[in-house]
Amino acid sequence: MILTVIGLLIGCMICGAGIYYLMKEKNDLESKKIYSITTGVGAVIVLAALIRFFVF
């Protein structure tokens, strides 16, 4: 249970940081690609933690 909550927090932080820097560097195409991937990875971690939280 604690690991699930920690995973959820880490996923939210990664996703939030990706969104923040994506908005900050919106004119640079290479940075936009990198931060989009970062945001996606954070979202996947959040979804996995939520599924684990509600299923187990």
Protein backbone atom coordinates (compact mmCIF):
# COMPACT_ATOMS: atom_id res chain seq x y z
CA MET A 1 0.00 0.00 0.00
CA ILE A 2 2.76 2.44 0.93
CA LEU A 3 4.72 1.61 -2.23
CA THR A 4 1.62 2.29 -4.29
CA VAL A 5 1.17 5.72 -2.72
CA ILE A 6 4.86 6.50 -3.21
CA GLY A 7 4.58 5.42 -6.85
CA LEU A 8 1.53 7.63 -7.26
CA LEU A 9 3.37 10.64 -5.82
CA ILE A 10 6.46 10.06 -7.94
CA GLY A 11 4.32 9.64 -11.07
CA CYS A 12 2.47 12.89 -10.33
CA MET A 13 5.75 14.71 -9.82
CA ILE A 14 7.23 13.39 -13.08
CA CYS A 15 4.06 14.21 -14.99
CA GLY A 16 3.83 17.67 -13.44
CA ALA A 17 7.47 18.46 -14.19
CA GLY A 18 7.03 17.29 -17.77
CA ILE A 19 3.99 19.52 -18.25
CA TYR A 20 5.75 22.49 -16.61
CA TYR A 21 8.84 22.27 -18.80
CA LEU A 22 6.74 21.47 -21.86
CA MET A 23 4.95 24.79 -21.43
CA LYS A 24 8.20 26.60 -20.60
CA GLU A 25 10.09 25.30 -23.66
CA LYS A 26 7.19 25.21 -26.11
CA ASN A 27 9.16 26.83 -28.97
CA ASP A 28 12.02 24.31 -29.02
CA LEU A 29 11.01 21.22 -31.01
CA GLU A 30 13.60 18.87 -29.50
CA SER A 31 12.69 19.87 -25.93
CA LYS A 32 9.00 19.56 -26.76
CA LYS A 33 9.54 15.95 -27.85
CA ILE A 34 11.56 15.07 -24.74
CA TYR A 35 9.10 16.65 -22.30
CA SER A 36 6.13 15.07 -24.06
CA ILE A 37 7.71 11.66 -23.52
CA THR A 38 8.43 12.57 -19.88
CA THR A 39 4.81 13.59 -19.37
CA GLY A 40 3.63 10.34 -20.94
CA VAL A 41 5.89 8.23 -18.72
CA GLY A 42 4.63 10.07 -15.65
CA ALA A 43 1.03 9.50 -16.73
CA VAL A 44 1.68 5.78 -17.22
CA ILE A 45 3.19 5.55 -13.73
CA VAL A 46 0.17 7.35 -12.25
CA LEU A 47 -2.26 5.06 -14.08
CA ALA A 48 -0.39 1.94 -12.98
CA ALA A 49 -0.35 3.12 -9.37
CA LEU A 50 -4.06 3.93 -9.48
CA ILE A 51 -4.90 0.54 -10.94
CA ARG A 52 -2.78 -1.16 -8.28
CA PHE A 53 -4.39 0.98 -5.57
CA PHE A 54 -7.96 0.08 -6.54
CA VAL A 55 -7.43 -3.55 -7.59
CA PHE A 56 -5.25 -4.80 -4.75
